[in-house]
């Protein structure tokens, strides 16, 4: 293991949404922790100095929706490439989905994934365990054993659970032990299409996924939450009606949080263009009114977190007719720049923007872990030295061949984006740096 060195980050604009800190200051890091902000001790001897003039110095990003494709693709070294992509995107903590091959439904698989990730000394990986065996929606997994192995919550990933009785039992089991359940709300029977229902899907002859596929699932989830007291995180909501339901559920006192993907925050169904498979996504891109409601919900805090929904898809699976192509897009390296673009386009306060990729998801993760916020997603003296240095003066054009991820497909290909990660530190170690 590399020896940790004393690091001094000089001249940056330090922003910590958790505490409201926003000022130009130096930061000193040592032994994996933040030892000082602004008032650097006179006897502090830095071994590495990072000049951050003109840059934002932020907590490392927390991403709640990442696919690492391992276990299952060890031969392709997917874990190494996707963790490197996280570092290039300033993401220091990530939650990985259970729909690997094999599925994360056995403690040994979870332990292996965590061991391999820790050896890389890059992003902190928090696995979701499968809610049901092999994600088939029939038999519940051994949640206690999976939690002991390192799972932070339980999910069906994109596999819709059609049996309401199984879902009720899952909520009861999870509530008994204080676990959280993470679900993407989509009705089993109505959610089989490839594009959002509407005039465009009809005109293009694409099978549609109506908004009620999301809202019917949400009504079911909320009724079961009321009956069982379960704590649920809704993953990647996509509609205006969904935002309204979450807002009301929170007012009703339900223990619900939710997130939205960068794709749904910026794009609409018209971005499918002429059957562009790069825009084949789950959930599907919806109409402008939905995008506007998602933006408003993220701005006012109804939506807790902004996620990359990072899904690396290979060439053979993506370069197919739209309806046959595998859904998903790479996103880790784009998350912060696209969040910053939302700030520029919408005028949303910068502090609120950055909270959506740091404090907000950290609070969701903290609730899932049953611990107080403080481990991730914030900069504080004595806290973790997970830091992202973001150069807002630089812009970059998204080009497939320059992405670190093995997933080279994104609907943002060719976009010019504002801001670029200059440096990422995890536990005080420089894990990524560019000139």
Protein backbone atom coordinates (compact mmCIF):
# COMPACT_ATOMS: atom_id res chain seq x y z
CA UNK A 1 0.00 0.00 0.00
CA UNK A 2 1.30 3.43 -0.94
CA UNK A 3 2.35 5.60 1.97
CA UNK A 4 -0.01 8.49 2.60
CA UNK A 5 1.55 11.90 2.17
CA UNK A 6 0.75 15.32 3.55
CA UNK A 7 -1.17 17.26 0.90
CA UNK A 8 -1.84 20.98 0.68
CA UNK A 9 -4.51 22.26 -1.72
CA UNK A 10 -3.92 25.97 -2.28
CA UNK A 11 -5.95 28.85 -3.60
CA UNK A 12 -9.24 27.13 -4.41
CA UNK A 13 -12.82 28.14 -3.69
CA UNK A 14 -13.83 25.63 -1.03
CA UNK A 15 -17.49 24.65 -1.08
CA UNK A 16 -19.03 22.22 1.39
CA UNK A 17 -22.83 22.01 0.99
CA UNK A 18 -23.18 20.08 4.25
CA UNK A 19 -21.96 23.02 6.34
CA UNK A 20 -22.65 25.89 3.94
CA UNK A 21 -18.95 26.73 3.71
CA UNK A 22 -18.09 28.79 0.61
CA UNK A 23 -14.85 30.75 0.68
CA UNK A 24 -11.38 30.87 -0.79
CA UNK A 25 -9.16 28.81 1.47
CA UNK A 26 -6.31 26.33 1.62
CA UNK A 27 -6.91 22.76 2.80
CA UNK A 28 -4.41 20.48 4.54
CA UNK A 29 -4.74 16.69 4.37
CA UNK A 30 -2.81 14.11 6.38
CA UNK A 31 -3.28 10.46 7.39
CA UNK A 32 -6.40 10.17 5.26
CA UNK A 33 -8.21 13.05 6.97
CA UNK A 34 -8.76 16.78 6.61
CA UNK A 35 -6.54 18.37 9.26
CA UNK A 36 -7.23 22.03 8.52
CA UNK A 37 -9.35 24.32 6.37
CA UNK A 38 -8.12 27.90 5.96
CA UNK A 39 -6.04 28.12 9.14
CA UNK A 40 -3.18 25.84 8.18
CA UNK A 41 -0.87 25.00 11.13
CA UNK A 42 2.54 26.61 10.87
CA UNK A 43 4.26 23.27 11.39
CA UNK A 44 2.34 21.49 8.61
CA UNK A 45 4.87 20.23 6.05
CA UNK A 46 3.23 19.33 2.72
CA UNK A 47 4.85 16.66 0.56
CA UNK A 48 2.42 17.36 -2.28
CA UNK A 49 1.05 20.80 -3.13
CA UNK A 50 -1.90 21.17 -5.50
CA UNK A 51 -2.52 24.62 -6.95
CA UNK A 52 -6.29 25.12 -7.23
CA UNK A 53 -6.49 28.77 -8.28
CA UNK A 54 -9.70 29.36 -10.21
CA UNK A 55 -11.03 25.93 -9.21
CA UNK A 56 -13.77 24.67 -6.93
CA UNK A 57 -12.56 22.40 -4.12
CA UNK A 58 -15.42 20.06 -3.25
CA UNK A 59 -16.17 16.93 -1.28
CA UNK A 60 -15.67 13.88 -3.46
CA UNK A 61 -18.88 13.09 -5.32
CA UNK A 62 -21.25 10.36 -4.14
CA UNK A 63 -22.99 8.45 -6.95
CA UNK A 64 -25.91 6.19 -6.04
CA UNK A 65 -26.31 4.39 -9.40
CA UNK A 66 -23.25 2.73 -10.93
CA UNK A 67 -22.72 -0.55 -12.75
CA UNK A 68 -19.19 -1.89 -12.48
CA UNK A 69 -19.95 -5.06 -14.50
CA UNK A 70 -18.12 -7.25 -11.98
CA UNK A 71 -18.45 -9.98 -10.97
CA UNK A 72 -18.89 -11.29 -14.50
CA UNK A 73 -16.38 -9.44 -16.67
CA UNK A 74 -13.11 -10.00 -14.85
CA UNK A 75 -11.41 -11.01 -18.12
CA UNK A 76 -12.07 -7.53 -19.50
CA UNK A 77 -10.74 -5.81 -16.36
CA UNK A 78 -14.00 -3.90 -16.10
CA UNK A 79 -13.57 -3.07 -12.42
CA UNK A 80 -10.26 -1.34 -13.07
CA UNK A 81 -11.58 0.71 -15.98
CA UNK A 82 -14.84 1.78 -14.34
CA UNK A 83 -13.13 2.71 -11.08
CA UNK A 84 -10.67 4.78 -13.12
CA UNK A 85 -13.66 6.44 -14.79
CA UNK A 86 -15.02 7.30 -11.34
CA UNK A 87 -11.72 8.97 -10.46
CA UNK A 88 -11.78 10.96 -13.71
CA UNK A 89 -15.27 12.14 -12.77
CA UNK A 90 -14.43 13.11 -9.19
CA UNK A 91 -16.64 10.31 -7.79
CA UNK A 92 -15.06 9.01 -4.58
CA UNK A 93 -18.01 6.96 -3.26
CA UNK A 94 -20.36 4.89 -5.37
CA UNK A 95 -23.21 2.45 -4.94
CA UNK A 96 -23.08 -0.48 -7.34
CA UNK A 97 -26.13 -2.34 -8.56
CA UNK A 98 -26.73 -6.06 -7.85
CA UNK A 99 -27.54 -7.12 -11.44
CA UNK A 100 -24.08 -8.51 -12.13
CA UNK A 101 -23.35 -11.96 -13.55
CA UNK A 102 -23.67 -13.77 -11.19
CA UNK A 103 -26.15 -11.64 -9.25
CA UNK A 104 -25.03 -10.21 -5.89
CA UNK A 105 -27.19 -12.56 -3.84
CA UNK A 106 -24.41 -14.50 -2.07
CA UNK A 107 -22.14 -13.12 0.69
CA UNK A 108 -19.03 -14.55 -0.97
CA UNK A 109 -19.65 -12.57 -4.15
CA UNK A 110 -20.12 -9.35 -2.19
CA UNK A 111 -16.95 -9.93 -0.18
CA UNK A 112 -14.98 -10.66 -3.35
CA UNK A 113 -16.19 -7.46 -5.01
CA UNK A 114 -15.33 -5.36 -1.98
CA UNK A 115 -11.89 -6.96 -1.65
CA UNK A 116 -11.05 -6.33 -5.31
CA UNK A 117 -12.31 -2.75 -5.13
CA UNK A 118 -10.36 -1.97 -1.96
CA UNK A 119 -7.14 -3.28 -3.52
CA UNK A 120 -7.43 -0.64 -6.25
CA UNK A 121 -7.40 2.16 -3.63
CA UNK A 122 -9.78 4.28 -5.66
CA UNK A 123 -13.49 4.93 -5.11
CA UNK A 124 -15.23 3.58 -2.02
CA UNK A 125 -17.66 0.92 -3.23
CA UNK A 126 -20.98 0.26 -1.48
CA UNK A 127 -22.76 -2.78 -2.97
CA UNK A 128 -26.51 -3.22 -3.13
CA UNK A 129 -27.59 -6.77 -2.43
CA UNK A 130 -30.24 -8.49 -4.50
CA UNK A 131 -33.67 -8.30 -2.88
CA UNK A 132 -34.69 -11.70 -4.29
CA UNK A 133 -32.67 -14.74 -5.30
CA UNK A 134 -31.19 -14.22 -8.76
CA UNK A 135 -33.49 -11.17 -9.04
CA UNK A 136 -36.32 -13.50 -10.07
CA UNK A 137 -38.84 -11.95 -7.69
CA UNK A 138 -39.73 -15.24 -6.00
CA UNK A 139 -37.60 -15.95 -2.92
CA UNK A 140 -36.09 -13.34 -0.61
CA UNK A 141 -32.34 -13.33 -0.13
CA UNK A 142 -30.58 -13.75 3.21
CA UNK A 143 -30.43 -10.03 3.92
CA UNK A 144 -28.69 -10.38 7.28
CA UNK A 145 -25.83 -12.38 5.78
CA UNK A 146 -25.53 -9.99 2.82
CA UNK A 147 -25.43 -7.02 5.17
CA UNK A 148 -22.68 -8.67 7.20
CA UNK A 149 -20.79 -9.12 3.91
CA UNK A 150 -21.02 -5.40 3.18
CA UNK A 151 -24.31 -4.66 1.39
CA UNK A 152 -25.79 -1.27 2.28
CA UNK A 153 -29.35 -1.89 1.05
CA UNK A 154 -31.37 -4.22 -1.17
CA UNK A 155 -32.64 -3.78 -4.70
CA UNK A 156 -34.12 -5.44 -7.76
CA UNK A 157 -32.01 -3.18 -10.04
CA UNK A 158 -33.96 -2.90 -13.32
CA UNK A 159 -35.79 -6.20 -12.84
CA UNK A 160 -39.39 -5.37 -12.04
CA UNK A 161 -40.99 -7.28 -9.18
CA UNK A 162 -44.44 -8.36 -10.33
CA UNK A 163 -45.57 -10.19 -7.18
CA UNK A 164 -46.92 -7.67 -4.67
CA UNK A 165 -47.00 -10.25 -1.89
CA UNK A 166 -43.27 -10.89 -2.28
CA UNK A 167 -42.66 -7.14 -2.15
CA UNK A 168 -44.75 -6.87 1.02
CA UNK A 169 -42.71 -9.63 2.67
CA UNK A 170 -39.50 -7.97 1.56
CA UNK A 171 -40.60 -4.71 3.18
CA UNK A 172 -41.55 -6.52 6.39
CA UNK A 173 -38.22 -8.36 6.52
CA UNK A 174 -36.20 -5.23 5.77
CA UNK A 175 -38.10 -3.17 8.33
CA UNK A 176 -37.54 -5.77 11.05
CA UNK A 177 -33.79 -5.42 10.69
CA UNK A 178 -33.70 -1.71 9.81
CA UNK A 179 -32.61 -2.20 6.21
CA UNK A 180 -33.52 0.07 3.30
CA UNK A 181 -35.04 -1.12 0.04
CA UNK A 182 -34.05 0.61 -3.21
CA UNK A 183 -36.49 0.24 -6.09
CA UNK A 184 -36.94 1.68 -9.52
CA UNK A 185 -40.70 2.20 -9.68
CA UNK A 186 -42.02 0.54 -12.81
CA UNK A 187 -45.03 -1.71 -13.19
CA UNK A 188 -44.09 -5.23 -14.26
CA UNK A 189 -46.58 -5.42 -17.12
CA UNK A 190 -46.72 -1.81 -18.30
CA UNK A 191 -42.96 -1.27 -18.32
CA UNK A 192 -41.98 -3.57 -21.17
CA UNK A 193 -41.59 -0.91 -23.88
CA UNK A 194 -38.45 0.75 -25.25
CA UNK A 195 -39.44 4.44 -25.36
CA UNK A 196 -41.71 6.80 -23.44
CA UNK A 197 -45.32 6.61 -24.59
CA UNK A 198 -46.30 9.66 -26.60
CA UNK A 199 -46.62 11.07 -30.11
CA UNK A 200 -42.94 10.49 -30.91
CA UNK A 201 -42.93 6.81 -29.93
CA UNK A 202 -46.15 6.29 -31.89
CA UNK A 203 -44.76 8.04 -34.96
CA UNK A 204 -41.56 5.98 -34.82
CA UNK A 205 -43.37 2.71 -34.22
CA UNK A 206 -41.63 2.09 -30.88
CA UNK A 207 -43.35 0.23 -28.04
CA UNK A 208 -44.18 2.69 -25.29
CA UNK A 209 -43.76 2.88 -21.52
CA UNK A 210 -46.57 5.08 -20.15
CA UNK A 211 -46.14 7.40 -17.17
CA UNK A 212 -48.63 5.26 -15.27
CA UNK A 213 -46.08 2.42 -15.35
CA UNK A 214 -44.14 4.57 -12.89
CA UNK A 215 -47.04 5.99 -10.90
CA UNK A 216 -48.90 2.71 -10.43
CA UNK A 217 -45.71 1.18 -9.04
CA UNK A 218 -45.23 4.18 -6.75
CA UNK A 219 -48.79 3.95 -5.40
CA UNK A 220 -48.18 0.27 -4.62
CA UNK A 221 -44.86 1.00 -2.93
CA UNK A 222 -46.34 3.81 -0.84
CA UNK A 223 -49.28 1.69 0.34
CA UNK A 224 -46.89 -1.07 1.39
CA UNK A 225 -44.69 1.49 3.14
CA UNK A 226 -47.68 2.74 5.12
CA UNK A 227 -48.51 -0.82 6.15
CA UNK A 228 -44.98 -1.94 7.04
CA UNK A 229 -43.09 1.22 7.99
CA UNK A 230 -40.42 0.40 5.42
CA UNK A 231 -37.71 2.86 4.36
CA UNK A 232 -37.50 3.07 0.57
CA UNK A 233 -35.27 4.87 -1.91
CA UNK A 234 -36.84 5.33 -5.35
CA UNK A 235 -34.25 5.09 -8.09
CA UNK A 236 -34.27 7.30 -11.18
CA UNK A 237 -37.80 8.64 -11.27
CA UNK A 238 -38.64 10.02 -14.69
CA UNK A 239 -41.98 11.84 -14.78
CA UNK A 240 -43.73 14.97 -13.57
CA UNK A 241 -46.44 12.81 -12.00
CA UNK A 242 -43.77 10.81 -10.18
CA UNK A 243 -42.26 13.98 -8.71
CA UNK A 244 -45.69 15.07 -7.48
CA UNK A 245 -46.28 11.71 -5.80
CA UNK A 246 -42.91 11.80 -4.02
CA UNK A 247 -43.56 15.34 -2.83
CA UNK A 248 -46.89 14.27 -1.33
CA UNK A 249 -45.43 11.11 0.19
CA UNK A 250 -42.79 13.16 1.99
CA UNK A 251 -45.46 15.53 3.27
CA UNK A 252 -47.35 12.46 4.54
CA UNK A 253 -44.30 11.46 6.55
CA UNK A 254 -43.27 8.37 4.62
CA UNK A 255 -39.59 7.44 4.86
CA UNK A 256 -38.92 7.89 1.17
CA UNK A 257 -36.04 9.39 -0.79
CA UNK A 258 -35.42 9.44 -4.53
CA UNK A 259 -32.93 10.29 -7.24
CA UNK A 260 -32.92 11.28 -10.91
CA UNK A 261 -30.39 10.45 -13.63
CA UNK A 262 -28.35 13.05 -15.50
CA UNK A 263 -29.95 11.74 -18.68
CA UNK A 264 -33.51 12.56 -17.60
CA UNK A 265 -32.40 15.91 -16.18
CA UNK A 266 -31.06 17.15 -19.52
CA UNK A 267 -32.68 15.19 -22.33
CA UNK A 268 -36.16 14.46 -23.69
CA UNK A 269 -37.61 11.84 -26.03
CA UNK A 270 -36.83 14.03 -29.03
CA UNK A 271 -33.14 13.31 -28.39
CA UNK A 272 -33.76 9.81 -29.73
CA UNK A 273 -33.44 11.52 -33.10
CA UNK A 274 -33.42 9.02 -35.92
CA UNK A 275 -33.43 5.86 -33.80
CA UNK A 276 -30.17 6.75 -32.04
CA UNK A 277 -29.45 3.75 -29.81
CA UNK A 278 -27.23 5.92 -27.59
CA UNK A 279 -30.50 7.36 -26.28
CA UNK A 280 -31.94 3.90 -25.54
CA UNK A 281 -32.17 4.21 -21.76
CA UNK A 282 -34.00 2.86 -18.73
CA UNK A 283 -36.01 4.73 -17.64
CA UNK A 284 -36.83 6.06 -21.10
CA UNK A 285 -36.45 9.75 -21.90
CA UNK A 286 -39.79 11.50 -21.49
CA UNK A 287 -41.35 14.76 -22.67
CA UNK A 288 -40.19 18.28 -21.88
CA UNK A 289 -42.84 18.82 -19.19
CA UNK A 290 -41.43 15.82 -17.35
CA UNK A 291 -37.87 17.10 -17.66
CA UNK A 292 -38.95 20.51 -16.37
CA UNK A 293 -40.68 18.92 -13.37
CA UNK A 294 -37.61 16.81 -12.61
CA UNK A 295 -35.43 19.92 -12.67
CA UNK A 296 -37.82 21.75 -10.36
CA UNK A 297 -38.00 18.74 -8.01
CA UNK A 298 -34.22 18.53 -7.78
CA UNK A 299 -33.97 22.27 -7.18
CA UNK A 300 -36.52 22.33 -4.34
CA UNK A 301 -35.21 19.18 -2.63
CA UNK A 302 -38.10 16.86 -3.46
CA UNK A 303 -35.53 14.81 -5.36
CA UNK A 304 -32.62 14.05 -3.06
CA UNK A 305 -29.81 13.18 -5.44
CA UNK A 306 -28.54 13.41 -8.99
CA UNK A 307 -26.93 10.20 -10.28
CA UNK A 308 -24.92 9.17 -13.32
CA UNK A 309 -26.83 5.90 -13.91
CA UNK A 310 -23.51 4.69 -15.27
CA UNK A 311 -24.05 1.60 -17.43
CA UNK A 312 -21.14 0.63 -19.68
CA UNK A 313 -22.52 -1.14 -22.76
CA UNK A 314 -20.23 -2.76 -25.31
CA UNK A 315 -20.24 -2.14 -29.06
CA UNK A 316 -22.03 -5.33 -30.04
CA UNK A 317 -24.90 -4.73 -27.64
CA UNK A 318 -25.34 -1.04 -28.51
CA UNK A 319 -24.84 -0.97 -32.27
CA UNK A 320 -28.17 -2.62 -33.02
CA UNK A 321 -31.59 -1.34 -34.11
CA UNK A 322 -32.98 0.94 -31.38
CA UNK A 323 -35.52 -1.51 -29.95
CA UNK A 324 -32.99 -4.36 -29.89
CA UNK A 325 -30.05 -2.48 -28.40
CA UNK A 326 -29.11 -2.80 -24.74
CA UNK A 327 -30.29 0.18 -22.68
CA UNK A 328 -27.76 2.27 -20.79
CA UNK A 329 -25.05 4.87 -21.16
CA UNK A 330 -21.74 5.78 -19.58
CA UNK A 331 -22.01 8.62 -17.09
CA UNK A 332 -19.38 8.66 -14.34
CA UNK A 333 -17.06 11.05 -16.16
CA UNK A 334 -19.93 13.35 -17.15
CA UNK A 335 -21.79 13.67 -13.85
CA UNK A 336 -20.13 16.77 -12.40
CA UNK A 337 -19.89 18.68 -15.68
CA UNK A 338 -23.56 17.98 -16.41
CA UNK A 339 -24.54 19.05 -12.90
CA UNK A 340 -22.61 22.27 -13.45
CA UNK A 341 -24.32 22.73 -16.82
CA UNK A 342 -27.69 22.43 -15.06
CA UNK A 343 -26.54 25.17 -12.69
CA UNK A 344 -25.58 27.41 -15.62
CA UNK A 345 -28.71 26.71 -17.67
CA UNK A 346 -31.27 26.94 -14.88
CA UNK A 347 -29.73 29.50 -12.55
CA UNK A 348 -30.07 27.11 -9.61
CA UNK A 349 -27.83 28.09 -6.73
CA UNK A 350 -24.36 26.52 -6.98
CA UNK A 351 -24.55 25.25 -3.40
CA UNK A 352 -27.81 23.42 -4.13
CA UNK A 353 -26.37 22.06 -7.37
CA UNK A 354 -23.34 20.58 -5.66
CA UNK A 355 -25.46 19.26 -2.78
CA UNK A 356 -27.27 17.07 -5.32
CA UNK A 357 -24.05 15.15 -6.02
CA UNK A 358 -22.46 15.30 -2.55
CA UNK A 359 -24.53 15.93 0.58
CA UNK A 360 -27.85 14.71 -0.83
CA UNK A 361 -26.69 11.25 -1.92
CA UNK A 362 -24.47 11.01 1.17
CA UNK A 363 -27.57 11.45 3.36
CA UNK A 364 -29.37 8.71 1.42
CA UNK A 365 -26.36 6.45 1.81
CA UNK A 366 -26.03 7.36 5.48
CA UNK A 367 -29.68 6.41 6.06
CA UNK A 368 -29.12 3.11 4.26
CA UNK A 369 -26.11 2.39 6.43
CA UNK A 370 -27.98 3.39 9.57
CA UNK A 371 -25.23 5.85 10.45
CA UNK A 372 -25.07 9.59 10.87
CA UNK A 373 -23.95 11.72 7.95
CA UNK A 374 -20.27 12.52 8.21
CA UNK A 375 -18.32 9.77 6.50
CA UNK A 376 -18.81 10.85 2.88
CA UNK A 377 -19.99 13.81 0.85
CA UNK A 378 -18.60 16.60 3.01
CA UNK A 379 -15.43 18.53 3.86
CA UNK A 380 -14.81 19.00 7.57
CA UNK A 381 -11.81 19.02 9.85
CA UNK A 382 -11.33 15.46 11.06
CA UNK A 383 -13.43 14.07 8.22
CA UNK A 384 -12.43 11.89 5.31
CA UNK A 385 -9.95 13.43 2.88
CA UNK A 386 -12.08 12.63 -0.18
CA UNK A 387 -11.73 15.72 -2.36
CA UNK A 388 -12.48 16.80 -5.92
CA UNK A 389 -10.76 19.79 -7.52
CA UNK A 390 -12.98 21.04 -10.36
CA UNK A 391 -11.78 23.59 -12.91
CA UNK A 392 -14.82 25.62 -13.95
CA UNK A 393 -12.80 27.63 -16.49
CA UNK A 394 -12.16 24.62 -18.69
CA UNK A 395 -14.64 23.14 -21.12
CA UNK A 396 -14.41 19.83 -22.96
CA UNK A 397 -16.11 18.00 -25.77
CA UNK A 398 -17.43 14.53 -25.03
CA UNK A 399 -15.69 12.14 -27.41
CA UNK A 400 -16.17 8.41 -27.22
CA UNK A 401 -12.54 7.51 -27.75
CA UNK A 402 -11.30 9.73 -24.93
CA UNK A 403 -13.61 8.31 -22.24
CA UNK A 404 -11.83 6.24 -19.60
CA UNK A 405 -14.80 3.90 -19.15
CA UNK A 406 -15.07 0.85 -21.37
CA UNK A 407 -18.60 2.05 -22.06
CA UNK A 408 -18.08 4.46 -24.94
CA UNK A 409 -21.73 5.22 -25.61
CA UNK A 410 -23.53 8.29 -24.30
CA UNK A 411 -26.31 10.47 -25.71
CA UNK A 412 -24.07 13.44 -24.83
CA UNK A 413 -21.42 12.44 -27.38
CA UNK A 414 -20.30 15.59 -29.19
CA UNK A 415 -21.62 17.95 -26.48
CA UNK A 416 -19.35 20.68 -25.20
CA UNK A 417 -19.56 20.61 -21.41
CA UNK A 418 -18.41 23.19 -18.86
CA UNK A 419 -15.82 22.40 -16.21
CA UNK A 420 -13.39 19.51 -15.90
CA UNK A 421 -12.10 17.54 -12.95
CA UNK A 422 -8.48 18.45 -12.38
CA UNK A 423 -7.71 16.25 -9.39
CA UNK A 424 -9.41 13.56 -7.29
CA UNK A 425 -8.15 12.46 -3.87
CA UNK A 426 -9.44 9.48 -1.93
CA UNK A 427 -8.39 9.17 1.69
CA UNK A 428 -5.77 11.85 1.07
CA UNK A 429 -4.16 9.95 -1.83
CA UNK A 430 -4.03 11.53 -5.28
CA UNK A 431 -6.00 9.00 -7.35
CA UNK A 432 -6.40 11.15 -10.48
CA UNK A 433 -4.71 14.31 -11.69
CA UNK A 434 -4.51 16.15 -14.98
CA UNK A 435 -2.73 19.31 -15.96
